[in-house]
């Protein structure tokens, strides 16, 4: 958002960097950063066999990485809709708090009732 507001993205576009290259590099960087806690958590789960069988840890890591990639893409999409960083922070926090936490819990309670 700060790059968009300050015109850095437009300057990179004028110097020859396409939007696809920009977002691919940004996505790879974000996934690299995201993979560190995923890997640490998977190692911790491996060291505590009471939580999960060792044969499922690779699947857990892949699902966790795919979840992170989806969340990162949702945030990227939201950055195109808003012009002010404060607006996107409020929208993303509301989406993640209500849409991805409270709503599924409420629906599961309602379905069980």
C-alpha atoms as a PDB file:
ATOM      1  CA  UNK A   1       0.000   0.000   0.000  1.00  0.00           C
ATOM      2  CA  UNK A   2       2.797   2.427   0.838  1.00  0.00           C
ATOM      3  CA  UNK A   3       4.480   1.688  -2.505  1.00  0.00           C
ATOM      4  CA  UNK A   4       1.220   2.370  -4.324  1.00  0.00           C
ATOM      5  CA  UNK A   5       0.575   5.578  -2.381  1.00  0.00           C
ATOM      6  CA  UNK A   6       4.104   6.932  -2.896  1.00  0.00           C
ATOM      7  CA  UNK A   7       4.193   6.043  -6.608  1.00  0.00           C
ATOM      8  CA  UNK A   8       7.030   3.520  -6.296  1.00  0.00           C
ATOM      9  CA  UNK A   9       5.049   0.890  -8.198  1.00  0.00           C
ATOM     10  CA  UNK A  10       4.445   3.295 -11.072  1.00  0.00           C
ATOM     11  CA  UNK A  11       8.150   4.147 -11.173  1.00  0.00           C
ATOM     12  CA  UNK A  12       9.058   0.437 -11.318  1.00  0.00           C
ATOM     13  CA  UNK A  13       6.508  -0.028 -14.109  1.00  0.00           C
ATOM     14  CA  UNK A  14       8.066   2.852 -16.067  1.00  0.00           C
ATOM     15  CA  UNK A  15      11.509   1.286 -15.690  1.00  0.00           C
ATOM     16  CA  UNK A  16      10.310  -1.964 -17.282  1.00  0.00           C
ATOM     17  CA  UNK A  17       9.074  -4.104 -14.403  1.00  0.00           C
ATOM     18  CA  UNK A  18       5.657  -5.568 -15.206  1.00  0.00           C
ATOM     19  CA  UNK A  19       2.933  -6.120 -12.628  1.00  0.00           C
ATOM     20  CA  UNK A  20       3.219  -9.902 -12.978  1.00  0.00           C
ATOM     21  CA  UNK A  21       6.950  -9.829 -12.270  1.00  0.00           C
ATOM     22  CA  UNK A  22       6.422  -7.460  -9.348  1.00  0.00           C
ATOM     23  CA  UNK A  23       3.700  -9.536  -7.679  1.00  0.00           C
ATOM     24  CA  UNK A  24       5.482 -12.833  -8.397  1.00  0.00           C
ATOM     25  CA  UNK A  25       8.606 -11.572  -6.662  1.00  0.00           C
ATOM     26  CA  UNK A  26       6.545 -10.156  -3.815  1.00  0.00           C
ATOM     27  CA  UNK A  27       4.644 -13.446  -3.464  1.00  0.00           C
ATOM     28  CA  UNK A  28       7.845 -15.511  -3.444  1.00  0.00           C
ATOM     29  CA  UNK A  29       9.332 -13.251  -0.793  1.00  0.00           C
ATOM     30  CA  UNK A  30       6.194 -13.434   1.367  1.00  0.00           C
ATOM     31  CA  UNK A  31       5.982 -17.219   0.990  1.00  0.00           C
ATOM     32  CA  UNK A  32       9.636 -17.544   1.955  1.00  0.00           C
ATOM     33  CA  UNK A  33       9.014 -15.540   5.106  1.00  0.00           C
ATOM     34  CA  UNK A  34       5.812 -17.511   5.788  1.00  0.00           C
ATOM     35  CA  UNK A  35       7.567 -20.867   5.329  1.00  0.00           C
ATOM     36  CA  UNK A  36       9.815 -20.289   8.352  1.00  0.00           C
ATOM     37  CA  UNK A  37       7.068 -20.541  11.016  1.00  0.00           C
ATOM     38  CA  UNK A  38       5.401 -23.357   9.034  1.00  0.00           C
ATOM     39  CA  UNK A  39       8.606 -25.356   9.109  1.00  0.00           C
ATOM     40  CA  UNK A  40       9.270 -24.619  12.789  1.00  0.00           C
ATOM     41  CA  UNK A  41       5.724 -25.662  13.710  1.00  0.00           C
ATOM     42  CA  UNK A  42       6.033 -28.859  11.664  1.00  0.00           C
ATOM     43  CA  UNK A  43       9.288 -29.722  13.427  1.00  0.00           C
ATOM     44  CA  UNK A  44       7.678 -29.082  16.814  1.00  0.00           C
ATOM     45  CA  UNK A  45       4.756 -31.335  15.883  1.00  0.00           C
ATOM     46  CA  UNK A  46       7.219 -34.014  14.778  1.00  0.00           C
ATOM     47  CA  UNK A  47       8.972 -33.815  18.143  1.00  0.00           C
ATOM     48  CA  UNK A  48       5.636 -34.244  19.950  1.00  0.00           C
ATOM     49  CA  UNK A  49       4.175 -37.455  18.508  1.00  0.00           C
ATOM     50  CA  UNK A  50       1.068 -37.165  20.716  1.00  0.00           C
ATOM     51  CA  UNK A  51      -0.236 -34.363  18.493  1.00  0.00           C
ATOM     52  CA  UNK A  52       0.058 -35.990  15.065  1.00  0.00           C
ATOM     53  CA  UNK A  53       1.486 -39.097  13.425  1.00  0.00           C
ATOM     54  CA  UNK A  54       4.771 -38.461  11.651  1.00  0.00           C
ATOM     55  CA  UNK A  55       3.363 -39.708   8.349  1.00  0.00           C
ATOM     56  CA  UNK A  56       0.918 -36.759   8.195  1.00  0.00           C
ATOM     57  CA  UNK A  57       3.372 -33.952   8.907  1.00  0.00           C
ATOM     58  CA  UNK A  58       4.322 -33.425   5.245  1.00  0.00           C
ATOM     59  CA  UNK A  59       0.646 -33.125   4.315  1.00  0.00           C
ATOM     60  CA  UNK A  60       0.134 -30.717   7.208  1.00  0.00           C
ATOM     61  CA  UNK A  61       3.035 -28.562   6.006  1.00  0.00           C
ATOM     62  CA  UNK A  62       1.696 -28.472   2.428  1.00  0.00           C
ATOM     63  CA  UNK A  63      -1.833 -27.564   3.600  1.00  0.00           C
ATOM     64  CA  UNK A  64      -0.436 -24.888   5.905  1.00  0.00           C
ATOM     65  CA  UNK A  65       1.608 -23.392   3.057  1.00  0.00           C
ATOM     66  CA  UNK A  66      -1.392 -23.441   0.688  1.00  0.00           C
ATOM     67  CA  UNK A  67      -3.500 -21.714   3.355  1.00  0.00           C
ATOM     68  CA  UNK A  68      -0.822 -19.038   3.713  1.00  0.00           C
ATOM     69  CA  UNK A  69      -0.626 -18.542  -0.048  1.00  0.00           C
ATOM     70  CA  UNK A  70      -4.396 -18.073  -0.188  1.00  0.00           C
ATOM     71  CA  UNK A  71      -4.376 -15.537   2.653  1.00  0.00           C
ATOM     72  CA  UNK A  72      -1.485 -13.615   1.070  1.00  0.00           C
ATOM     73  CA  UNK A  73      -3.384 -13.474  -2.242  1.00  0.00           C
ATOM     74  CA  UNK A  74      -6.508 -12.193  -0.470  1.00  0.00           C
ATOM     75  CA  UNK A  75      -4.447  -9.389   1.034  1.00  0.00           C
ATOM     76  CA  UNK A  76      -2.970  -8.562  -2.388  1.00  0.00           C
ATOM     77  CA  UNK A  77      -6.470  -8.370  -3.882  1.00  0.00           C
ATOM     78  CA  UNK A  78      -7.588  -6.035  -1.100  1.00  0.00           C
ATOM     79  CA  UNK A  79      -4.653  -3.704  -1.803  1.00  0.00           C
ATOM     80  CA  UNK A  80      -6.088  -3.006  -5.263  1.00  0.00           C
ATOM     81  CA  UNK A  81      -9.506  -2.007  -3.921  1.00  0.00           C
ATOM     82  CA  UNK A  82      -8.387   0.626  -1.436  1.00  0.00           C
ATOM     83  CA  UNK A  83      -6.249   3.723  -1.730  1.00  0.00           C
ATOM     84  CA  UNK A  84      -5.473   4.409   1.946  1.00  0.00           C
ATOM     85  CA  UNK A  85      -3.472   1.995   4.125  1.00  0.00           C
ATOM     86  CA  UNK A  86      -5.741   2.634   7.134  1.00  0.00           C
ATOM     87  CA  UNK A  87      -8.775   1.465   5.171  1.00  0.00           C
ATOM     88  CA  UNK A  88      -7.160  -1.807   4.203  1.00  0.00           C
ATOM     89  CA  UNK A  89      -5.922  -2.505   7.738  1.00  0.00           C
ATOM     90  CA  UNK A  90      -9.459  -2.156   9.091  1.00  0.00           C
ATOM     91  CA  UNK A  91     -10.995  -4.227   6.293  1.00  0.00           C
ATOM     92  CA  UNK A  92      -8.474  -7.051   6.516  1.00  0.00           C
ATOM     93  CA  UNK A  93      -8.683  -7.229  10.299  1.00  0.00           C
ATOM     94  CA  UNK A  94     -12.490  -7.361  10.137  1.00  0.00           C
ATOM     95  CA  UNK A  95     -12.392 -10.003   7.415  1.00  0.00           C
ATOM     96  CA  UNK A  96      -9.959 -12.225   9.288  1.00  0.00           C
ATOM     97  CA  UNK A  97     -11.607 -11.721  12.670  1.00  0.00           C
ATOM     98  CA  UNK A  98     -15.222 -12.199  11.676  1.00  0.00           C
ATOM     99  CA  UNK A  99     -15.092 -13.990   8.346  1.00  0.00           C
ATOM    100  CA  UNK A 100     -12.412 -16.544   9.130  1.00  0.00           C
ATOM    101  CA  UNK A 101     -12.775 -16.978  12.898  1.00  0.00           C
ATOM    102  CA  UNK A 102     -16.122 -16.052  14.395  1.00  0.00           C
ATOM    103  CA  UNK A 103     -18.330 -16.943  11.414  1.00  0.00           C
ATOM    104  CA  UNK A 104     -17.120 -20.580  11.030  1.00  0.00           C
ATOM    105  CA  UNK A 105     -17.395 -21.125  14.789  1.00  0.00           C
ATOM    106  CA  UNK A 106     -20.904 -19.641  14.830  1.00  0.00           C
ATOM    107  CA  UNK A 107     -21.989 -21.756  11.860  1.00  0.00           C
ATOM    108  CA  UNK A 108     -20.627 -24.939  13.417  1.00  0.00           C
ATOM    109  CA  UNK A 109     -22.437 -24.192  16.699  1.00  0.00           C
ATOM    110  CA  UNK A 110     -25.649 -23.431  14.791  1.00  0.00           C
ATOM    111  CA  UNK A 111     -25.324 -26.632  12.734  1.00  0.00           C
ATOM    112  CA  UNK A 112     -24.735 -28.724  15.837  1.00  0.00           C
ATOM    113  CA  UNK A 113     -27.723 -27.185  17.585  1.00  0.00           C
END
